[in-house]
Amino acid sequence: MPMHPLPALMNQGVHVALCSDDPAVFGNMGLSFDFFQVFVASDVHGLATLRELVWDSIRYSALEDDEQTEAFTLLERQWNTFVRYILEKYGDAAGAVGQV
């Protein structure tokens, strides 16, 4: 099976936004699962790459400017909490996570 083109696109500087179809209509598992699938089922690895995917998904969304600002404010707070958790739980094993 050929590899998904996502890693190649990202390596070439193409901005990628993961967007989920309406889970209620199509029975999808939701956007968090989409991110999980990309992260474990491709060559997309690392928290820096995950952060880029998440931020681009908001940056290139259909949200109004004020909604994007609010989303980024909330996301930044949640991301920092997540990174602190990873560092506390895994310490040095987390590698360069603190640089994200």
Protein backbone atom coordinates (compact mmCIF):
# COMPACT_ATOMS: atom_id res chain seq x y z
CA MET A 1 0.00 0.00 0.00
CA PRO A 2 1.47 3.40 -0.93
CA MET A 3 2.29 5.78 1.87
CA HIS A 4 -0.04 8.71 2.46
CA PRO A 5 1.32 11.92 0.86
CA LEU A 6 0.88 13.97 4.05
CA PRO A 7 4.51 13.71 5.28
CA ALA A 8 5.89 14.60 1.84
CA LEU A 9 3.57 17.61 1.60
CA MET A 10 4.55 18.84 5.06
CA ASN A 11 8.25 18.34 4.30
CA GLN A 12 7.81 20.61 1.29
CA GLY A 13 6.30 23.35 3.44
CA VAL A 14 2.69 22.80 2.38
CA HIS A 15 0.33 23.85 5.16
CA VAL A 16 -2.09 21.07 6.03
CA ALA A 17 -5.33 21.33 7.96
CA LEU A 18 -7.00 18.19 9.22
CA CYS A 19 -10.73 18.59 8.95
CA SER A 20 -13.34 16.05 9.81
CA ASP A 21 -16.60 15.49 8.01
CA ASP A 22 -19.66 15.82 10.19
CA PRO A 23 -19.26 12.91 12.64
CA ALA A 24 -22.99 12.80 13.35
CA VAL A 25 -23.82 12.33 9.68
CA PHE A 26 -21.02 9.99 8.63
CA GLY A 27 -20.44 8.16 11.91
CA ASN A 28 -16.81 9.30 12.11
CA MET A 29 -15.02 9.09 15.41
CA GLY A 30 -14.25 12.81 15.46
CA LEU A 31 -11.31 15.05 14.80
CA SER A 32 -9.19 13.88 17.74
CA PHE A 33 -9.21 10.39 16.25
CA ASP A 34 -8.22 11.83 12.85
CA PHE A 35 -5.16 13.45 14.45
CA PHE A 36 -4.36 10.18 16.23
CA GLN A 37 -4.55 8.23 12.96
CA VAL A 38 -2.24 10.65 11.17
CA PHE A 39 0.19 10.60 14.04
CA VAL A 40 0.49 6.82 14.41
CA ALA A 41 -0.20 5.62 10.88
CA SER A 42 2.25 7.74 8.93
CA ASP A 43 5.73 9.17 9.05
CA VAL A 44 4.39 12.28 10.77
CA HIS A 45 6.06 12.20 14.17
CA GLY A 46 6.98 14.52 16.98
CA LEU A 47 5.21 17.11 19.02
CA ALA A 48 6.48 19.96 16.85
CA THR A 49 4.75 18.40 13.84
CA LEU A 50 1.61 17.72 15.84
CA ARG A 51 1.60 21.34 17.00
CA GLU A 52 1.96 22.55 13.42
CA LEU A 53 -0.99 20.40 12.31
CA VAL A 54 -3.18 21.66 15.14
CA TRP A 55 -2.29 25.33 14.64
CA ASP A 56 -2.75 25.12 10.85
CA SER A 57 -6.13 23.47 11.33
CA ILE A 58 -7.27 26.61 13.11
CA ARG A 59 -5.30 29.09 10.99
CA TYR A 60 -6.82 27.78 7.75
CA SER A 61 -10.30 27.15 9.11
CA ALA A 62 -13.45 29.06 8.26
CA LEU A 63 -13.47 30.72 11.69
CA GLU A 64 -13.86 34.49 11.79
CA ASP A 65 -10.81 36.47 12.96
CA ASP A 66 -12.18 36.99 16.47
CA GLU A 67 -13.06 33.29 16.73
CA GLN A 68 -9.55 32.32 15.61
CA THR A 69 -8.03 34.65 18.20
CA GLU A 70 -10.17 33.06 20.91
CA ALA A 71 -9.33 29.55 19.68
CA PHE A 72 -5.59 30.27 19.62
CA THR A 73 -5.72 31.73 23.14
CA LEU A 74 -7.44 28.63 24.48
CA LEU A 75 -5.24 26.30 22.44
CA GLU A 76 -2.01 27.93 23.62
CA ARG A 77 -3.07 27.47 27.25
CA GLN A 78 -4.08 23.84 26.68
CA TRP A 79 -0.94 23.08 24.66
CA ASN A 80 1.31 24.47 27.41
CA THR A 81 -0.51 22.35 29.99
CA PHE A 82 -0.06 19.29 27.76
CA VAL A 83 3.67 19.91 27.25
CA ARG A 84 4.20 20.43 31.00
CA TYR A 85 2.42 17.12 31.63
CA ILE A 86 4.64 15.30 29.11
CA LEU A 87 7.79 16.78 30.66
CA GLU A 88 6.69 15.92 34.19
CA LYS A 89 5.67 12.38 33.28
CA TYR A 90 8.52 11.46 30.92
CA GLY A 91 11.26 13.95 31.84
CA ASP A 92 14.40 13.57 29.78
CA ALA A 93 12.82 10.74 27.79
CA ALA A 94 10.60 13.39 26.19
CA GLY A 95 13.63 14.78 24.36
CA ALA A 96 13.14 18.19 22.81
CA VAL A 97 9.49 18.50 23.83
CA GLY A 98 10.29 21.54 25.93
CA GLN A 99 11.54 23.33 22.83
CA VAL A 100 8.15 23.09 21.14
